[in-house]
Amino acid sequence: MIRTNCLDASAIVKLLIAEAGSDKLRKYFTKQTCFYTTSLCFAEALGVLKAKHLRCEITQEEYLDTCYQLLSYVHPDNIGIDIIEIEIKKRVAFDDVENLVKKYSIDVSDAFQIYTLKEVFSNFAGDSAPILITADRGLATAAENEGLRVWNCIEDPSP
């Protein structure tokens, strides 16, 4: 069965850097083909890699290698991760995002992730609904409460 999988920034980083949940996520990633992320999550993942480098958690070489690997995942010639553009400029989108932030005490980036998945994949239901892959418990809980399918790649078994 082909699944639609949506990666948040925490999951993207786990594909690139060995952390809790990385092995399980990497194994799943090699067996599936339909992965998406938002442009905001892509940029957030780059920011996390930069922060890991600045905190000396990874070397400059590891930082550049992981950034290159991430860019190769989203290159149009590769089967990897497609980027979904989010509606960051629409006031009505931000109103919905703001409501999610207040309702679940999540950050704006996570709220945009939920908003985007609900908008882009609104016609999908049941087993055809996308799976949000995250290592962020707060995002996972909020997304589940909003009716999205979620895989917390640290705490849950693989889908």
C-alpha atoms as a PDB file:
ATOM      1  CA  MET A   1       0.000   0.000   0.000  1.00  0.00           C
ATOM      2  CA  ILE A   2       1.344   3.416  -0.939  1.00  0.00           C
ATOM      3  CA  ARG A   3       0.988   5.846   1.936  1.00  0.00           C
ATOM      4  CA  THR A   4       1.194   9.604   1.869  1.00  0.00           C
ATOM      5  CA  ASN A   5       3.692  10.601   4.564  1.00  0.00           C
ATOM      6  CA  CYS A   6       4.246  14.137   5.807  1.00  0.00           C
ATOM      7  CA  LEU A   7       7.455  14.833   7.700  1.00  0.00           C
ATOM      8  CA  ASP A   8       7.790  17.615  10.225  1.00  0.00           C
ATOM      9  CA  ALA A   9      11.170  19.190  10.993  1.00  0.00           C
ATOM     10  CA  SER A  10      11.886  16.867  13.926  1.00  0.00           C
ATOM     11  CA  ALA A  11      11.406  13.824  11.691  1.00  0.00           C
ATOM     12  CA  ILE A  12      13.543  15.294   8.911  1.00  0.00           C
ATOM     13  CA  VAL A  13      16.385  15.853  11.362  1.00  0.00           C
ATOM     14  CA  LYS A  14      16.062  12.243  12.563  1.00  0.00           C
ATOM     15  CA  LEU A  15      16.590  11.076   8.977  1.00  0.00           C
ATOM     16  CA  LEU A  16      19.857  13.007   8.881  1.00  0.00           C
ATOM     17  CA  ILE A  17      21.278  12.755  12.422  1.00  0.00           C
ATOM     18  CA  ALA A  18      21.337   9.632  14.597  1.00  0.00           C
ATOM     19  CA  GLU A  19      18.918  10.302  17.459  1.00  0.00           C
ATOM     20  CA  ALA A  20      16.240   8.388  19.341  1.00  0.00           C
ATOM     21  CA  GLY A  21      13.819   7.035  16.734  1.00  0.00           C
ATOM     22  CA  SER A  22      16.191   7.537  13.798  1.00  0.00           C
ATOM     23  CA  ASP A  23      16.715   3.844  13.021  1.00  0.00           C
ATOM     24  CA  LYS A  24      12.979   3.109  12.962  1.00  0.00           C
ATOM     25  CA  LEU A  25      12.263   6.186  10.833  1.00  0.00           C
ATOM     26  CA  ARG A  26      15.098   5.508   8.388  1.00  0.00           C
ATOM     27  CA  LYS A  27      13.920   1.930   7.903  1.00  0.00           C
ATOM     28  CA  TYR A  28      10.385   3.163   7.205  1.00  0.00           C
ATOM     29  CA  PHE A  29      11.715   5.868   4.859  1.00  0.00           C
ATOM     30  CA  THR A  30      13.526   3.286   2.703  1.00  0.00           C
ATOM     31  CA  LYS A  31      10.349   1.206   2.327  1.00  0.00           C
ATOM     32  CA  GLN A  32       7.975   4.031   1.375  1.00  0.00           C
ATOM     33  CA  THR A  33       7.973   6.423  -1.584  1.00  0.00           C
ATOM     34  CA  CYS A  34       5.454   9.200  -1.017  1.00  0.00           C
ATOM     35  CA  PHE A  35       6.941  11.793   1.369  1.00  0.00           C
ATOM     36  CA  TYR A  36       6.098  15.463   1.744  1.00  0.00           C
ATOM     37  CA  THR A  37       7.090  18.323   3.977  1.00  0.00           C
ATOM     38  CA  THR A  38       6.168  21.978   4.057  1.00  0.00           C
ATOM     39  CA  SER A  39       8.609  24.650   2.961  1.00  0.00           C
ATOM     40  CA  LEU A  40       8.491  25.950   6.526  1.00  0.00           C
ATOM     41  CA  CYS A  41       9.479  22.547   7.993  1.00  0.00           C
ATOM     42  CA  PHE A  42      12.278  22.264   5.448  1.00  0.00           C
ATOM     43  CA  ALA A  43      13.647  25.642   6.548  1.00  0.00           C
ATOM     44  CA  GLU A  44      13.139  24.734  10.210  1.00  0.00           C
ATOM     45  CA  ALA A  45      15.145  21.512   9.706  1.00  0.00           C
ATOM     46  CA  LEU A  46      17.991  23.542   8.198  1.00  0.00           C
ATOM     47  CA  GLY A  47      17.837  25.797  11.260  1.00  0.00           C
ATOM     48  CA  VAL A  48      18.053  22.809  13.605  1.00  0.00           C
ATOM     49  CA  LEU A  49      21.104  21.520  11.728  1.00  0.00           C
ATOM     50  CA  LYS A  50      22.691  24.969  11.988  1.00  0.00           C
ATOM     51  CA  ALA A  51      21.986  25.089  15.736  1.00  0.00           C
ATOM     52  CA  LYS A  52      23.510  21.624  16.223  1.00  0.00           C
ATOM     53  CA  HIS A  53      26.631  22.824  14.434  1.00  0.00           C
ATOM     54  CA  LEU A  54      26.842  26.075  16.419  1.00  0.00           C
ATOM     55  CA  ARG A  55      26.450  24.129  19.690  1.00  0.00           C
ATOM     56  CA  CYS A  56      29.294  21.826  18.523  1.00  0.00           C
ATOM     57  CA  GLU A  57      26.993  18.785  18.508  1.00  0.00           C
ATOM     58  CA  ILE A  58      28.083  18.128  14.930  1.00  0.00           C
ATOM     59  CA  THR A  59      31.224  19.191  13.101  1.00  0.00           C
ATOM     60  CA  GLN A  60      31.231  21.607  10.196  1.00  0.00           C
ATOM     61  CA  GLU A  61      31.780  18.669   7.853  1.00  0.00           C
ATOM     62  CA  GLU A  62      28.802  16.809   9.345  1.00  0.00           C
ATOM     63  CA  TYR A  63      26.720  19.981   9.124  1.00  0.00           C
ATOM     64  CA  LEU A  64      27.523  20.460   5.448  1.00  0.00           C
ATOM     65  CA  ASP A  65      27.052  16.751   4.694  1.00  0.00           C
ATOM     66  CA  THR A  66      23.630  16.648   6.343  1.00  0.00           C
ATOM     67  CA  CYS A  67      22.540  19.834   4.583  1.00  0.00           C
ATOM     68  CA  TYR A  68      23.672  18.334   1.273  1.00  0.00           C
ATOM     69  CA  GLN A  69      21.797  15.116   2.058  1.00  0.00           C
ATOM     70  CA  LEU A  70      18.652  17.089   2.867  1.00  0.00           C
ATOM     71  CA  LEU A  71      18.934  19.039  -0.370  1.00  0.00           C
ATOM     72  CA  SER A  72      19.389  15.774  -2.273  1.00  0.00           C
ATOM     73  CA  TYR A  73      16.148  14.452  -0.728  1.00  0.00           C
ATOM     74  CA  VAL A  74      14.184  17.367  -2.193  1.00  0.00           C
ATOM     75  CA  HIS A  75      15.965  17.523  -5.563  1.00  0.00           C
ATOM     76  CA  PRO A  76      13.415  17.037  -8.365  1.00  0.00           C
ATOM     77  CA  ASP A  77      15.523  14.303 -10.003  1.00  0.00           C
ATOM     78  CA  ASN A  78      15.445  12.125  -6.866  1.00  0.00           C
ATOM     79  CA  ILE A  79      12.708  10.098  -5.249  1.00  0.00           C
ATOM     80  CA  GLY A  80      12.627  11.558  -1.791  1.00  0.00           C
ATOM     81  CA  ILE A  81      10.663  14.379  -0.252  1.00  0.00           C
ATOM     82  CA  ASP A  82       8.373  16.763  -2.126  1.00  0.00           C
ATOM     83  CA  ILE A  83       7.895  20.229  -0.687  1.00  0.00           C
ATOM     84  CA  ILE A  84       4.406  21.618  -0.187  1.00  0.00           C
ATOM     85  CA  GLU A  85       4.221  25.387  -0.240  1.00  0.00           C
ATOM     86  CA  ILE A  86       2.182  26.747   2.618  1.00  0.00           C
ATOM     87  CA  GLU A  87      -0.279  29.638   2.576  1.00  0.00           C
ATOM     88  CA  ILE A  88       1.792  31.829   4.880  1.00  0.00           C
ATOM     89  CA  LYS A  89       0.696  35.100   3.219  1.00  0.00           C
ATOM     90  CA  LYS A  90      -3.065  34.643   3.547  1.00  0.00           C
ATOM     91  CA  ARG A  91      -4.570  36.393   6.545  1.00  0.00           C
ATOM     92  CA  VAL A  92      -7.311  33.769   6.861  1.00  0.00           C
ATOM     93  CA  ALA A  93      -4.627  31.057   7.043  1.00  0.00           C
ATOM     94  CA  PHE A  94      -2.865  32.884   9.841  1.00  0.00           C
ATOM     95  CA  ASP A  95      -6.158  33.323  11.681  1.00  0.00           C
ATOM     96  CA  ASP A  96      -6.648  29.545  11.609  1.00  0.00           C
ATOM     97  CA  VAL A  97      -3.018  29.003  12.639  1.00  0.00           C
ATOM     98  CA  GLU A  98      -3.387  31.462  15.504  1.00  0.00           C
ATOM     99  CA  ASN A  99      -6.454  29.569  16.728  1.00  0.00           C
ATOM    100  CA  LEU A 100      -4.482  26.290  16.690  1.00  0.00           C
ATOM    101  CA  VAL A 101      -1.620  27.902  18.630  1.00  0.00           C
ATOM    102  CA  LYS A 102      -4.007  29.133  21.309  1.00  0.00           C
ATOM    103  CA  LYS A 103      -6.031  25.914  21.424  1.00  0.00           C
ATOM    104  CA  TYR A 104      -3.052  23.531  21.807  1.00  0.00           C
ATOM    105  CA  SER A 105      -0.208  25.751  23.061  1.00  0.00           C
ATOM    106  CA  ILE A 106       1.947  24.764  20.081  1.00  0.00           C
ATOM    107  CA  ASP A 107       4.253  26.992  18.073  1.00  0.00           C
ATOM    108  CA  VAL A 108       3.305  28.733  14.837  1.00  0.00           C
ATOM    109  CA  SER A 109       5.395  26.389  12.687  1.00  0.00           C
ATOM    110  CA  ASP A 110       3.603  23.329  14.096  1.00  0.00           C
ATOM    111  CA  ALA A 111       0.229  25.012  13.652  1.00  0.00           C
ATOM    112  CA  PHE A 112       1.070  25.789  10.013  1.00  0.00           C
ATOM    113  CA  GLN A 113       1.939  22.103   9.556  1.00  0.00           C
ATOM    114  CA  ILE A 114      -1.500  21.050  10.819  1.00  0.00           C
ATOM    115  CA  TYR A 115      -3.251  23.768   8.817  1.00  0.00           C
ATOM    116  CA  THR A 116      -1.431  22.825   5.619  1.00  0.00           C
ATOM    117  CA  LEU A 117      -2.132  19.105   5.941  1.00  0.00           C
ATOM    118  CA  LYS A 118      -5.804  19.762   6.580  1.00  0.00           C
ATOM    119  CA  GLU A 119      -6.017  22.077   3.550  1.00  0.00           C
ATOM    120  CA  VAL A 120      -3.886  20.143   1.052  1.00  0.00           C
ATOM    121  CA  PHE A 121      -5.203  16.696   1.931  1.00  0.00           C
ATOM    122  CA  SER A 122      -8.790  17.609   2.811  1.00  0.00           C
ATOM    123  CA  ASN A 123     -10.205  15.091   0.301  1.00  0.00           C
ATOM    124  CA  PHE A 124      -8.320  12.154   1.839  1.00  0.00           C
ATOM    125  CA  ALA A 125      -9.939  10.043   4.556  1.00  0.00           C
ATOM    126  CA  GLY A 126      -9.431   6.779   6.396  1.00  0.00           C
ATOM    127  CA  ASP A 127      -6.478   4.707   5.231  1.00  0.00           C
ATOM    128  CA  SER A 128      -5.834   7.125   2.351  1.00  0.00           C
ATOM    129  CA  ALA A 129      -5.371  10.076   4.731  1.00  0.00           C
ATOM    130  CA  PRO A 130      -1.753  11.194   5.050  1.00  0.00           C
ATOM    131  CA  ILE A 131       0.338  10.266   8.062  1.00  0.00           C
ATOM    132  CA  LEU A 132       2.061  13.116   9.856  1.00  0.00           C
ATOM    133  CA  ILE A 133       5.438  11.821  11.016  1.00  0.00           C
ATOM    134  CA  THR A 134       6.876  13.662  13.984  1.00  0.00           C
ATOM    135  CA  ALA A 135       8.984  13.269  17.101  1.00  0.00           C
ATOM    136  CA  ASP A 136       7.195  16.187  18.757  1.00  0.00           C
ATOM    137  CA  ARG A 137       4.653  14.940  21.308  1.00  0.00           C
ATOM    138  CA  GLY A 138       2.800  18.281  21.463  1.00  0.00           C
ATOM    139  CA  LEU A 139       2.408  18.434  17.689  1.00  0.00           C
ATOM    140  CA  ALA A 140       1.338  14.778  17.589  1.00  0.00           C
ATOM    141  CA  THR A 141      -1.367  15.345  20.199  1.00  0.00           C
ATOM    142  CA  ALA A 142      -2.658  18.513  18.528  1.00  0.00           C
ATOM    143  CA  ALA A 143      -2.711  16.876  15.085  1.00  0.00           C
ATOM    144  CA  GLU A 144      -4.579  13.823  16.394  1.00  0.00           C
ATOM    145  CA  ASN A 145      -7.104  16.101  18.083  1.00  0.00           C
ATOM    146  CA  GLU A 146      -7.584  17.821  14.718  1.00  0.00           C
ATOM    147  CA  GLY A 147      -8.409  14.480  13.093  1.00  0.00           C
ATOM    148  CA  LEU A 148      -5.070  13.817  11.409  1.00  0.00           C
ATOM    149  CA  ARG A 149      -3.301  10.469  11.327  1.00  0.00           C
ATOM    150  CA  VAL A 150      -0.020  10.712  13.234  1.00  0.00           C
ATOM    151  CA  TRP A 151       3.051   8.580  13.790  1.00  0.00           C
ATOM    152  CA  ASN A 152       5.237   9.688  16.684  1.00  0.00           C
ATOM    153  CA  CYS A 153       8.428   8.020  15.453  1.00  0.00           C
ATOM    154  CA  ILE A 154       9.928   7.887  18.956  1.00  0.00           C
ATOM    155  CA  GLU A 155       6.981   6.519  20.922  1.00  0.00           C
ATOM    156  CA  ASP A 156       4.799   4.615  18.447  1.00  0.00           C
ATOM    157  CA  PRO A 157       5.420   1.458  16.417  1.00  0.00           C
ATOM    158  CA  SER A 158       5.898   1.943  12.668  1.00  0.00           C
ATOM    159  CA  PRO A 159       2.659   2.275  10.693  1.00  0.00           C
END
